[in-house]
């Protein structure tokens, strides 16, 4: 930790690592245990419902971005609330990603799935990851500061000092989501079925 109340880069790294770990575990668990819901989703996809944004009626970048920015806002909204909403949102969104991802791969195969989501999924997942990290960053930073005995900064000032960095991560996440939405709209228009 630098000057009193400043954000240590370690806090941001730990926040990203925690968010990534949680997302991987939840998405993996959901994909591995899709069960009957996964089978129904796979059947719907095999019947022609090939893109979740098409199922939601979103075919243009603005509508896709609006829907996905809602998820980013939910993930990042944990920042002023000790990360609680972020933890819940990671569980819910991770389950949805895992179940729908498993169903798409089952219905289309890995190669077709990669062809359809590959152009934008890295931007989208990076946005989700950064928003989740933003939602827990103030808590991780304040707890880390409190655990370092040599730190003389109490919990509330340490927490508050991480809020601007949390906001910056949220803005980067939102930018990545908008980029992903533009690419996704282009991909959807190339696969009108």
N, C-alpha and C. Protein backbone atom coordinates (compact mmCIF):
# COMPACT_ATOMS: atom_id res chain seq x y z
N UNK A 1 0.85 -1.18 0.00
CA UNK A 1 0.00 0.00 0.00
C UNK A 1 0.89 1.23 0.00
N UNK A 2 0.55 2.19 -0.84
CA UNK A 2 1.33 3.41 -0.92
C UNK A 2 0.94 4.37 0.19
N UNK A 3 0.69 5.62 -0.16
CA UNK A 3 0.28 6.62 0.82
C UNK A 3 -1.05 6.19 1.45
N UNK A 4 -1.30 6.73 2.61
CA UNK A 4 -2.51 6.35 3.34
C UNK A 4 -3.74 6.46 2.46
N UNK A 5 -4.46 5.36 2.34
CA UNK A 5 -5.71 5.36 1.61
C UNK A 5 -5.58 5.11 0.11
N UNK A 6 -4.38 5.00 -0.43
CA UNK A 6 -4.26 4.77 -1.87
C UNK A 6 -4.43 3.29 -2.17
N UNK A 7 -4.85 3.01 -3.37
CA UNK A 7 -5.13 1.64 -3.77
C UNK A 7 -3.85 0.91 -4.15
N UNK A 8 -3.64 -0.23 -3.55
CA UNK A 8 -2.50 -1.06 -3.89
C UNK A 8 -2.85 -1.88 -5.12
N UNK A 9 -1.92 -1.98 -6.10
CA UNK A 9 -2.20 -2.79 -7.29
C UNK A 9 -2.55 -4.24 -6.92
N UNK A 10 -2.02 -4.71 -5.81
CA UNK A 10 -2.30 -6.06 -5.36
C UNK A 10 -3.81 -6.26 -5.13
N UNK A 11 -4.50 -5.23 -4.63
CA UNK A 11 -5.93 -5.33 -4.38
C UNK A 11 -6.70 -5.57 -5.68
N UNK A 12 -6.32 -4.86 -6.72
CA UNK A 12 -6.97 -5.05 -8.01
C UNK A 12 -6.70 -6.45 -8.55
N UNK A 13 -5.47 -6.90 -8.43
CA UNK A 13 -5.13 -8.25 -8.90
C UNK A 13 -5.86 -9.33 -8.14
N UNK A 14 -5.95 -9.17 -6.85
CA UNK A 14 -6.67 -10.15 -6.03
C UNK A 14 -8.15 -10.13 -6.39
N UNK A 15 -8.72 -8.95 -6.61
CA UNK A 15 -10.14 -8.84 -6.98
C UNK A 15 -10.42 -9.54 -8.31
N UNK A 16 -9.55 -9.33 -9.28
CA UNK A 16 -9.72 -10.00 -10.58
C UNK A 16 -9.59 -11.51 -10.42
N UNK A 17 -8.61 -11.95 -9.65
CA UNK A 17 -8.42 -13.39 -9.44
C UNK A 17 -9.62 -14.02 -8.73
N UNK A 18 -10.14 -13.35 -7.71
CA UNK A 18 -11.31 -13.88 -7.00
C UNK A 18 -12.53 -13.94 -7.92
N UNK A 19 -12.75 -12.88 -8.69
CA UNK A 19 -13.89 -12.85 -9.60
C UNK A 19 -13.75 -13.93 -10.67
N UNK A 20 -12.56 -14.08 -11.23
CA UNK A 20 -12.33 -15.10 -12.26
C UNK A 20 -12.54 -16.49 -11.70
N UNK A 21 -12.02 -16.74 -10.52
CA UNK A 21 -12.18 -18.06 -9.91
C UNK A 21 -13.64 -18.38 -9.67
N UNK A 22 -14.37 -17.42 -9.14
CA UNK A 22 -15.79 -17.64 -8.87
C UNK A 22 -16.56 -17.90 -10.17
N UNK A 23 -16.29 -17.11 -11.19
CA UNK A 23 -16.97 -17.30 -12.47
C UNK A 23 -16.66 -18.67 -13.07
N UNK A 24 -15.40 -19.06 -13.05
CA UNK A 24 -15.00 -20.35 -13.62
C UNK A 24 -15.69 -21.49 -12.88
N UNK A 25 -15.71 -21.42 -11.56
CA UNK A 25 -16.33 -22.49 -10.78
C UNK A 25 -17.83 -22.58 -11.06
N UNK A 26 -18.51 -21.45 -11.04
CA UNK A 26 -19.96 -21.47 -11.24
C UNK A 26 -20.31 -21.86 -12.67
N UNK A 27 -19.63 -21.30 -13.64
CA UNK A 27 -19.91 -21.65 -15.04
C UNK A 27 -19.61 -23.12 -15.28
N UNK A 28 -18.49 -23.59 -14.78
CA UNK A 28 -18.13 -25.00 -14.94
C UNK A 28 -19.12 -25.93 -14.28
N UNK A 29 -19.53 -25.60 -13.07
CA UNK A 29 -20.51 -26.45 -12.37
C UNK A 29 -21.83 -26.48 -13.12
N UNK A 30 -22.26 -25.34 -13.62
CA UNK A 30 -23.52 -25.30 -14.35
C UNK A 30 -23.42 -26.09 -15.65
N UNK A 31 -22.32 -25.93 -16.36
CA UNK A 31 -22.15 -26.64 -17.63
C UNK A 31 -22.07 -28.15 -17.41
N UNK A 32 -21.40 -28.55 -16.35
CA UNK A 32 -21.23 -29.98 -16.07
C UNK A 32 -22.52 -30.64 -15.60
N UNK A 33 -23.41 -29.86 -14.99
CA UNK A 33 -24.62 -30.45 -14.43
C UNK A 33 -25.87 -29.92 -15.10
N UNK A 34 -25.81 -29.67 -16.39
CA UNK A 34 -26.94 -29.11 -17.12
C UNK A 34 -28.21 -29.92 -16.99
N UNK A 35 -28.10 -31.22 -16.99
CA UNK A 35 -29.24 -32.09 -16.81
C UNK A 35 -30.38 -31.84 -17.78
N UNK A 36 -31.60 -31.93 -17.27
CA UNK A 36 -32.80 -31.81 -18.10
C UNK A 36 -32.91 -30.42 -18.72
N UNK A 37 -32.55 -29.39 -17.97
CA UNK A 37 -32.62 -28.05 -18.52
C UNK A 37 -31.66 -27.90 -19.69
N UNK A 38 -30.46 -28.43 -19.54
CA UNK A 38 -29.50 -28.41 -20.63
C UNK A 38 -30.01 -29.17 -21.84
N UNK A 39 -30.67 -30.31 -21.61
CA UNK A 39 -31.24 -31.09 -22.71
C UNK A 39 -32.33 -30.31 -23.43
N UNK A 40 -33.20 -29.62 -22.67
CA UNK A 40 -34.27 -28.82 -23.30
C UNK A 40 -33.68 -27.66 -24.09
N UNK A 41 -32.66 -27.01 -23.51
CA UNK A 41 -32.02 -25.92 -24.25
C UNK A 41 -31.36 -26.44 -25.52
N UNK A 42 -30.71 -27.58 -25.43
CA UNK A 42 -30.07 -28.16 -26.61
C UNK A 42 -31.10 -28.50 -27.67
N UNK A 43 -32.25 -29.02 -27.26
CA UNK A 43 -33.31 -29.34 -28.22
C UNK A 43 -33.83 -28.07 -28.89
N UNK A 44 -33.99 -27.00 -28.13
CA UNK A 44 -34.45 -25.73 -28.71
C UNK A 44 -33.42 -25.19 -29.69
N UNK A 45 -32.16 -25.28 -29.32
CA UNK A 45 -31.11 -24.81 -30.21
C UNK A 45 -31.04 -25.65 -31.48
N UNK A 46 -31.18 -26.96 -31.33
CA UNK A 46 -31.17 -27.83 -32.50
C UNK A 46 -32.35 -27.54 -33.41
N UNK A 47 -33.44 -27.04 -32.81
CA UNK A 47 -34.62 -26.69 -33.60
C UNK A 47 -34.52 -25.34 -34.27
N UNK A 48 -33.43 -24.66 -34.14
CA UNK A 48 -33.24 -23.41 -34.86
C UNK A 48 -32.98 -22.19 -34.01
N UNK A 49 -33.18 -22.27 -32.70
CA UNK A 49 -32.89 -21.13 -31.83
C UNK A 49 -31.39 -21.12 -31.55
N UNK A 50 -30.64 -20.46 -32.42
CA UNK A 50 -29.19 -20.59 -32.40
C UNK A 50 -28.46 -19.53 -31.59
N UNK A 51 -29.11 -18.47 -31.24
CA UNK A 51 -28.39 -17.40 -30.56
C UNK A 51 -29.29 -16.85 -29.45
N UNK A 52 -28.77 -16.76 -28.26
CA UNK A 52 -29.59 -16.30 -27.14
C UNK A 52 -30.11 -14.89 -27.36
N UNK A 53 -29.35 -14.03 -28.03
CA UNK A 53 -29.84 -12.68 -28.28
C UNK A 53 -31.01 -12.70 -29.26
N UNK A 54 -31.00 -13.64 -30.18
CA UNK A 54 -32.15 -13.78 -31.08
C UNK A 54 -33.36 -14.24 -30.28
N UNK A 55 -33.15 -15.15 -29.32
CA UNK A 55 -34.24 -15.60 -28.48
C UNK A 55 -34.83 -14.44 -27.69
N UNK A 56 -33.99 -13.50 -27.30
CA UNK A 56 -34.45 -12.35 -26.54
C UNK A 56 -34.99 -11.26 -27.45
N UNK A 57 -34.91 -11.46 -28.76
CA UNK A 57 -35.41 -10.48 -29.71
C UNK A 57 -34.40 -9.41 -30.07
N UNK A 58 -33.19 -9.52 -29.58
CA UNK A 58 -32.17 -8.50 -29.83
C UNK A 58 -31.32 -8.91 -31.03
N UNK A 59 -31.38 -8.08 -32.07
CA UNK A 59 -30.58 -8.36 -33.25
C UNK A 59 -29.64 -7.20 -33.58
N UNK A 60 -29.86 -6.06 -32.96
CA UNK A 60 -28.99 -4.91 -33.26
C UNK A 60 -28.08 -4.62 -32.07
N UNK A 61 -26.99 -3.96 -32.36
CA UNK A 61 -25.95 -3.73 -31.35
C UNK A 61 -26.48 -2.94 -30.15
N UNK A 62 -27.33 -1.97 -30.38
CA UNK A 62 -27.85 -1.17 -29.28
C UNK A 62 -28.66 -1.99 -28.29
N UNK A 63 -29.53 -2.85 -28.81
CA UNK A 63 -30.36 -3.69 -27.94
C UNK A 63 -29.51 -4.73 -27.21
N UNK A 64 -28.55 -5.31 -27.91
CA UNK A 64 -27.66 -6.29 -27.28
C UNK A 64 -26.85 -5.62 -26.18
N UNK A 65 -26.30 -4.44 -26.48
CA UNK A 65 -25.50 -3.72 -25.50
C UNK A 65 -26.35 -3.34 -24.29
N UNK A 66 -27.57 -2.89 -24.51
CA UNK A 66 -28.43 -2.50 -23.39
C UNK A 66 -28.69 -3.68 -22.47
N UNK A 67 -28.97 -4.84 -23.05
CA UNK A 67 -29.22 -6.03 -22.23
C UNK A 67 -27.96 -6.42 -21.45
N UNK A 68 -26.82 -6.45 -22.12
CA UNK A 68 -25.59 -6.89 -21.48
C UNK A 68 -25.04 -5.85 -20.50
N UNK A 69 -25.28 -4.58 -20.76
CA UNK A 69 -24.85 -3.55 -19.81
C UNK A 69 -25.63 -3.65 -18.50
N UNK A 70 -26.85 -4.17 -18.57
CA UNK A 70 -27.60 -4.41 -17.33
C UNK A 70 -26.89 -5.42 -16.45
N UNK A 71 -26.34 -6.45 -17.07
CA UNK A 71 -25.59 -7.46 -16.30
C UNK A 71 -24.32 -6.85 -15.71
N UNK A 72 -23.66 -6.01 -16.48
CA UNK A 72 -22.45 -5.34 -16.00
C UNK A 72 -22.78 -4.44 -14.82
N UNK A 73 -23.87 -3.70 -14.92
CA UNK A 73 -24.28 -2.82 -13.82
C UNK A 73 -24.60 -3.63 -12.57
N UNK A 74 -25.26 -4.75 -12.74
CA UNK A 74 -25.58 -5.61 -11.59
C UNK A 74 -24.31 -6.13 -10.92
N UNK A 75 -23.36 -6.58 -11.72
CA UNK A 75 -22.10 -7.08 -11.16
C UNK A 75 -21.34 -5.98 -10.41
N UNK A 76 -21.25 -4.82 -11.02
CA UNK A 76 -20.48 -3.73 -10.41
C UNK A 76 -21.21 -3.08 -9.24
N UNK A 77 -22.51 -3.30 -9.15
CA UNK A 77 -23.29 -2.64 -8.09
C UNK A 77 -22.93 -3.12 -6.69
N UNK A 78 -22.17 -4.16 -6.59
CA UNK A 78 -21.72 -4.60 -5.28
C UNK A 78 -20.70 -3.68 -4.65
N UNK A 79 -20.07 -2.82 -5.45
CA UNK A 79 -19.00 -1.96 -4.93
C UNK A 79 -19.43 -1.15 -3.71
N UNK A 80 -20.55 -0.45 -3.73
CA UNK A 80 -20.90 0.32 -2.53
C UNK A 80 -21.56 -0.52 -1.43
N UNK A 81 -21.75 -1.82 -1.67
CA UNK A 81 -22.47 -2.66 -0.71
C UNK A 81 -21.64 -3.86 -0.25
N UNK A 82 -20.36 -3.65 -0.06
CA UNK A 82 -19.44 -4.68 0.42
C UNK A 82 -19.38 -5.91 -0.49
N UNK A 83 -19.73 -5.75 -1.75
CA UNK A 83 -19.62 -6.84 -2.71
C UNK A 83 -20.75 -7.85 -2.68
N UNK A 84 -21.75 -7.64 -1.83
CA UNK A 84 -22.80 -8.67 -1.68
C UNK A 84 -23.59 -8.90 -2.97
N UNK A 85 -24.01 -7.83 -3.64
CA UNK A 85 -24.76 -8.02 -4.89
C UNK A 85 -23.89 -8.67 -5.96
N UNK A 86 -22.62 -8.38 -5.95
CA UNK A 86 -21.71 -8.97 -6.92
C UNK A 86 -21.63 -10.48 -6.73
N UNK A 87 -21.52 -10.92 -5.50
CA UNK A 87 -21.43 -12.36 -5.23
C UNK A 87 -22.70 -13.06 -5.72
N UNK A 88 -23.86 -12.49 -5.45
CA UNK A 88 -25.12 -13.08 -5.90
C UNK A 88 -25.19 -13.07 -7.42
N UNK A 89 -24.82 -11.95 -8.02
CA UNK A 89 -24.89 -11.83 -9.48
C UNK A 89 -23.94 -12.80 -10.16
N UNK A 90 -22.75 -13.01 -9.61
CA UNK A 90 -21.81 -13.98 -10.19
C UNK A 90 -22.44 -15.36 -10.20
N UNK A 91 -23.11 -15.73 -9.12
CA UNK A 91 -23.75 -17.04 -9.06
C UNK A 91 -24.85 -17.17 -10.10
N UNK A 92 -25.71 -16.18 -10.20
CA UNK A 92 -26.84 -16.24 -11.14
C UNK A 92 -26.36 -16.17 -12.59
N UNK A 93 -25.52 -15.20 -12.90
CA UNK A 93 -25.04 -15.05 -14.27
C UNK A 93 -24.15 -16.23 -14.68
N UNK A 94 -23.33 -16.70 -13.75
CA UNK A 94 -22.48 -17.84 -14.05
C UNK A 94 -23.29 -19.09 -14.37
N UNK A 95 -24.36 -19.31 -13.62
CA UNK A 95 -25.23 -20.47 -13.90
C UNK A 95 -25.85 -20.33 -15.30
N UNK A 96 -26.32 -19.15 -15.61
CA UNK A 96 -26.91 -18.93 -16.94
C UNK A 96 -25.90 -19.13 -18.05
N UNK A 97 -24.70 -18.61 -17.88
CA UNK A 97 -23.66 -18.79 -18.89
C UNK A 97 -23.28 -20.25 -19.05
N UNK A 98 -23.15 -20.94 -17.93
CA UNK A 98 -22.77 -22.35 -17.99
C UNK A 98 -23.83 -23.21 -18.65
N UNK A 99 -25.08 -23.03 -18.26
CA UNK A 99 -26.17 -23.83 -18.83
C UNK A 99 -26.37 -23.54 -20.31
N UNK A 100 -26.42 -22.25 -20.65
CA UNK A 100 -26.65 -21.92 -22.06
C UNK A 100 -25.44 -22.29 -22.92
N UNK A 101 -24.24 -22.09 -22.39
CA UNK A 101 -23.05 -22.48 -23.15
C UNK A 101 -22.99 -23.96 -23.42
N UNK A 102 -23.30 -24.77 -22.40
CA UNK A 102 -23.30 -26.22 -22.59
C UNK A 102 -24.35 -26.64 -23.61
N UNK A 103 -25.51 -26.01 -23.56
CA UNK A 103 -26.58 -26.35 -24.50
C UNK A 103 -26.20 -25.99 -25.93
N UNK A 104 -25.57 -24.84 -26.11
CA UNK A 104 -25.16 -24.42 -27.45
C UNK A 104 -24.11 -25.37 -28.01
N UNK A 105 -23.12 -25.72 -27.20
CA UNK A 105 -22.07 -26.64 -27.66
C UNK A 105 -22.67 -28.00 -27.98
N UNK A 106 -23.61 -28.47 -27.15
CA UNK A 106 -24.24 -29.77 -27.41
C UNK A 106 -25.04 -29.76 -28.70
N UNK A 107 -25.74 -28.67 -28.97
CA UNK A 107 -26.58 -28.60 -30.16
C UNK A 107 -25.79 -28.34 -31.44
N UNK A 108 -24.79 -27.48 -31.36
CA UNK A 108 -24.07 -27.06 -32.57
C UNK A 108 -22.72 -27.72 -32.75
N UNK A 109 -22.18 -28.24 -31.68
CA UNK A 109 -20.81 -28.75 -31.72
C UNK A 109 -19.85 -27.63 -31.42
N UNK A 110 -18.67 -28.01 -30.99
CA UNK A 110 -17.69 -27.02 -30.56
C UNK A 110 -17.24 -26.10 -31.70
N UNK A 111 -17.05 -26.66 -32.89
CA UNK A 111 -16.54 -25.85 -34.00
C UNK A 111 -17.54 -24.76 -34.41
N UNK A 112 -18.81 -25.13 -34.57
CA UNK A 112 -19.83 -24.16 -34.97
C UNK A 112 -20.05 -23.12 -33.86
N UNK A 113 -20.04 -23.58 -32.61
CA UNK A 113 -20.20 -22.65 -31.49
C UNK A 113 -19.07 -21.63 -31.50
N UNK A 114 -17.85 -22.11 -31.67
CA UNK A 114 -16.70 -21.20 -31.69
C UNK A 114 -16.80 -20.22 -32.86
N UNK A 115 -17.28 -20.70 -34.00
CA UNK A 115 -17.43 -19.81 -35.16
C UNK A 115 -18.44 -18.71 -34.87
N UNK A 116 -19.50 -19.05 -34.14
CA UNK A 116 -20.56 -18.06 -33.88
C UNK A 116 -20.24 -17.12 -32.73
N UNK A 117 -19.65 -17.62 -31.67
CA UNK A 117 -19.40 -16.75 -30.51
C UNK A 117 -17.95 -16.31 -30.39
N UNK A 118 -17.07 -16.98 -31.09
CA UNK A 118 -15.64 -16.66 -31.00
C UNK A 118 -15.30 -15.21 -31.27
N UNK A 119 -15.93 -14.57 -32.27
CA UNK A 119 -15.54 -13.19 -32.55
C UNK A 119 -15.80 -12.20 -31.43
N UNK A 120 -16.75 -12.50 -30.53
CA UNK A 120 -17.07 -11.52 -29.50
C UNK A 120 -16.97 -12.02 -28.06
N UNK A 121 -16.87 -13.31 -27.85
CA UNK A 121 -16.97 -13.84 -26.49
C UNK A 121 -15.83 -13.37 -25.58
N UNK A 122 -14.64 -13.19 -26.11
CA UNK A 122 -13.53 -12.73 -25.27
C UNK A 122 -13.80 -11.33 -24.72
N UNK A 123 -14.35 -10.45 -25.57
CA UNK A 123 -14.69 -9.10 -25.11
C UNK A 123 -15.78 -9.16 -24.04
N UNK A 124 -16.79 -9.99 -24.30
CA UNK A 124 -17.92 -10.10 -23.37
C UNK A 124 -17.49 -10.68 -22.02
N UNK A 125 -16.74 -11.77 -22.06
CA UNK A 125 -16.30 -12.38 -20.80
C UNK A 125 -15.32 -11.48 -20.04
N UNK A 126 -14.46 -10.77 -20.76
CA UNK A 126 -13.56 -9.83 -20.09
C UNK A 126 -14.36 -8.72 -19.42
N UNK A 127 -15.41 -8.25 -20.09
CA UNK A 127 -16.27 -7.24 -19.49
C UNK A 127 -16.96 -7.75 -18.23
N UNK A 128 -17.46 -8.97 -18.28
CA UNK A 128 -18.10 -9.58 -17.11
C UNK A 128 -17.09 -9.72 -15.97
N UNK A 129 -15.91 -10.21 -16.29
CA UNK A 129 -14.87 -10.40 -15.28
C UNK A 129 -14.47 -9.07 -14.63
N UNK A 130 -14.25 -8.05 -15.43
CA UNK A 130 -13.86 -6.75 -14.87
C UNK A 130 -14.97 -6.12 -14.04
N UNK A 131 -16.22 -6.30 -14.46
CA UNK A 131 -17.34 -5.76 -13.68
C UNK A 131 -17.45 -6.49 -12.34
N UNK A 132 -17.25 -7.80 -12.35
CA UNK A 132 -17.27 -8.55 -11.09
C UNK A 132 -16.12 -8.11 -10.18
N UNK A 133 -14.96 -7.92 -10.76
CA UNK A 133 -13.82 -7.44 -9.97
C UNK A 133 -14.11 -6.05 -9.41
N UNK A 134 -14.75 -5.20 -10.20
CA UNK A 134 -15.10 -3.86 -9.73
C UNK A 134 -16.05 -3.93 -8.54
N UNK A 135 -16.95 -4.90 -8.57
CA UNK A 135 -17.93 -5.02 -7.50
C UNK A 135 -17.36 -5.47 -6.17
N UNK A 136 -16.24 -6.19 -6.21
CA UNK A 136 -15.64 -6.66 -4.95
C UNK A 136 -14.36 -5.92 -4.58
N UNK A 137 -13.84 -5.10 -5.49
CA UNK A 137 -12.57 -4.42 -5.26
C UNK A 137 -12.51 -3.61 -3.97
N UNK A 138 -13.49 -2.75 -3.67
CA UNK A 138 -13.37 -1.98 -2.43
C UNK A 138 -13.28 -2.86 -1.18
N UNK A 139 -14.06 -3.93 -1.16
CA UNK A 139 -14.02 -4.82 0.00
C UNK A 139 -12.69 -5.54 0.08
N UNK A 140 -12.21 -6.05 -1.03
CA UNK A 140 -10.92 -6.75 -1.04
C UNK A 140 -9.81 -5.80 -0.59
N UNK A 141 -9.85 -4.58 -1.09
CA UNK A 141 -8.82 -3.60 -0.73
C UNK A 141 -8.88 -3.26 0.76
N UNK A 142 -10.06 -3.01 1.27
CA UNK A 142 -10.19 -2.63 2.68
C UNK A 142 -9.83 -3.78 3.61
N UNK A 143 -10.23 -4.99 3.26
CA UNK A 143 -9.88 -6.15 4.08
C UNK A 143 -8.37 -6.37 4.03
N UNK A 144 -7.79 -6.27 2.84
CA UNK A 144 -6.34 -6.42 2.71
C UNK A 144 -5.59 -5.39 3.53
N UNK A 145 -6.08 -4.17 3.49
CA UNK A 145 -5.46 -3.10 4.29
C UNK A 145 -5.58 -3.40 5.77
N UNK A 146 -6.72 -3.88 6.20
CA UNK A 146 -6.92 -4.17 7.62
C UNK A 146 -6.06 -5.34 8.08
N UNK A 147 -5.82 -6.30 7.19
CA UNK A 147 -5.03 -7.47 7.55
C UNK A 147 -3.54 -7.17 7.63
N UNK A 148 -3.10 -6.16 6.92
CA UNK A 148 -1.69 -5.76 7.00
C UNK A 148 -1.54 -4.89 8.24
N UNK A 149 -1.01 -5.44 9.25
CA UNK A 149 -0.94 -4.78 10.56
C UNK A 149 -0.22 -3.42 10.47
N UNK A 150 0.70 -3.30 9.54
CA UNK A 150 1.44 -2.05 9.46
C UNK A 150 0.60 -0.93 8.83
N UNK A 151 -0.53 -1.29 8.24
CA UNK A 151 -1.40 -0.28 7.64
C UNK A 151 -2.20 0.42 8.74
N UNK A 152 -2.08 1.72 8.76
CA UNK A 152 -2.77 2.49 9.79
C UNK A 152 -4.07 3.08 9.27
N UNK A 153 -4.53 2.63 8.09
CA UNK A 153 -5.74 3.17 7.50
C UNK A 153 -6.93 2.33 7.93
N UNK A 154 -7.91 2.91 8.61
CA UNK A 154 -9.09 2.16 9.02
C UNK A 154 -9.91 1.67 7.81
N UNK A 155 -10.78 0.71 8.07
CA UNK A 155 -11.58 0.08 7.01
C UNK A 155 -12.34 1.10 6.14
N UNK A 156 -13.14 2.01 6.72
CA UNK A 156 -13.92 2.91 5.85
C UNK A 156 -13.08 3.77 4.89
N UNK A 157 -11.99 4.40 5.33
CA UNK A 157 -11.20 5.17 4.36
C UNK A 157 -10.53 4.28 3.30
N UNK A 158 -10.08 3.11 3.71
CA UNK A 158 -9.48 2.19 2.73
C UNK A 158 -10.53 1.76 1.71
N UNK A 159 -11.73 1.46 2.18
CA UNK A 159 -12.84 1.08 1.30
C UNK A 159 -13.14 2.22 0.32
N UNK A 160 -13.29 3.42 0.84
CA UNK A 160 -13.62 4.57 0.01
C UNK A 160 -12.52 4.87 -1.01
N UNK A 161 -11.28 4.63 -0.64
CA UNK A 161 -10.18 4.93 -1.56
C UNK A 161 -10.19 4.02 -2.79
N UNK A 162 -10.84 2.87 -2.69
CA UNK A 162 -10.89 1.94 -3.82
C UNK A 162 -12.09 2.19 -4.74
N UNK A 163 -13.03 3.00 -4.33
CA UNK A 163 -14.23 3.24 -5.15
C UNK A 163 -13.91 3.87 -6.51
N UNK A 164 -12.99 4.86 -6.61
CA UNK A 164 -12.68 5.40 -7.94
C UNK A 164 -12.08 4.33 -8.88
N UNK A 165 -11.24 3.46 -8.35
CA UNK A 165 -10.69 2.39 -9.18
C UNK A 165 -11.78 1.41 -9.60
N UNK A 166 -12.72 1.17 -8.71
CA UNK A 166 -13.85 0.31 -9.02
C UNK A 166 -14.67 0.91 -10.17
N UNK A 167 -14.90 2.20 -10.10
CA UNK A 167 -15.63 2.88 -11.17
C UNK A 167 -14.87 2.79 -12.49
N UNK A 168 -13.56 2.98 -12.44
CA UNK A 168 -12.75 2.88 -13.66
C UNK A 168 -12.85 1.48 -14.28
N UNK A 169 -12.78 0.44 -13.44
CA UNK A 169 -12.94 -0.93 -13.95
C UNK A 169 -14.31 -1.12 -14.58
N UNK A 170 -15.33 -0.55 -13.97
CA UNK A 170 -16.69 -0.66 -14.50
C UNK A 170 -16.79 0.00 -15.87
N UNK A 171 -16.16 1.15 -16.03
CA UNK A 171 -16.19 1.84 -17.33
C UNK A 171 -15.45 1.04 -18.41
N UNK A 172 -14.34 0.43 -18.05
CA UNK A 172 -13.63 -0.43 -19.01
C UNK A 172 -14.51 -1.63 -19.36
N UNK A 173 -15.16 -2.21 -18.36
CA UNK A 173 -16.05 -3.36 -18.60
C UNK A 173 -17.18 -2.97 -19.55
N UNK A 174 -17.78 -1.81 -19.32
CA UNK A 174 -18.88 -1.34 -20.18
C UNK A 174 -18.40 -1.13 -21.61
N UNK A 175 -17.20 -0.60 -21.76
CA UNK A 175 -16.65 -0.40 -23.10
C UNK A 175 -16.47 -1.74 -23.82
N UNK A 176 -15.95 -2.72 -23.11
CA UNK A 176 -15.78 -4.05 -23.71
C UNK A 176 -17.13 -4.66 -24.10
N UNK A 177 -18.15 -4.44 -23.30
CA UNK A 177 -19.49 -4.96 -23.60
C UNK A 177 -20.05 -4.31 -24.85
N UNK A 178 -19.85 -3.02 -25.02
CA UNK A 178 -20.33 -2.33 -26.23
C UNK A 178 -19.59 -2.84 -27.46
N UNK A 179 -18.29 -3.04 -27.35
CA UNK A 179 -17.52 -3.61 -28.47
C UNK A 179 -18.05 -5.00 -28.81
N UNK A 180 -18.27 -5.82 -27.80
CA UNK A 180 -18.80 -7.17 -28.02
C UNK A 180 -20.17 -7.12 -28.67
N UNK A 181 -21.01 -6.18 -28.28
CA UNK A 181 -22.36 -6.07 -28.84
C UNK A 181 -22.32 -5.73 -30.32
N UNK A 182 -21.42 -4.85 -30.71
CA UNK A 182 -21.29 -4.50 -32.13
C UNK A 182 -20.86 -5.73 -32.93
N UNK A 183 -19.87 -6.45 -32.42
CA UNK A 183 -19.39 -7.65 -33.11
C UNK A 183 -20.50 -8.71 -33.14
N UNK A 184 -21.20 -8.89 -32.03
CA UNK A 184 -22.27 -9.89 -31.97
C UNK A 184 -23.37 -9.58 -32.97
N UNK A 185 -23.73 -8.31 -33.11
CA UNK A 185 -24.76 -7.93 -34.08
C UNK A 185 -24.32 -8.25 -35.51
N UNK A 186 -23.05 -8.05 -35.78
CA UNK A 186 -22.52 -8.38 -37.11
C UNK A 186 -22.58 -9.89 -37.33
N UNK A 187 -22.21 -10.67 -36.32
CA UNK A 187 -22.27 -12.13 -36.42
C UNK A 187 -23.69 -12.61 -36.62
N UNK A 188 -24.63 -12.04 -35.87
CA UNK A 188 -26.04 -12.44 -35.99
C UNK A 188 -26.55 -12.14 -37.40
N UNK A 189 -26.19 -10.99 -37.95
CA UNK A 189 -26.65 -10.64 -39.30
C UNK A 189 -26.05 -11.57 -40.36
N UNK A 190 -24.89 -12.15 -40.06
CA UNK A 190 -24.28 -13.10 -41.00
C UNK A 190 -24.91 -14.49 -40.91
N UNK A 191 -25.63 -14.75 -39.82
CA UNK A 191 -26.32 -16.05 -39.62
C UNK A 191 -27.80 -15.77 -39.32
N UNK A 192 -28.56 -15.35 -40.33
CA UNK A 192 -29.94 -14.92 -40.07
C UNK A 192 -30.88 -16.05 -39.63
N UNK A 193 -30.50 -17.29 -39.72
CA UNK A 193 -31.40 -18.40 -39.38
C UNK A 193 -31.53 -18.55 -37.99
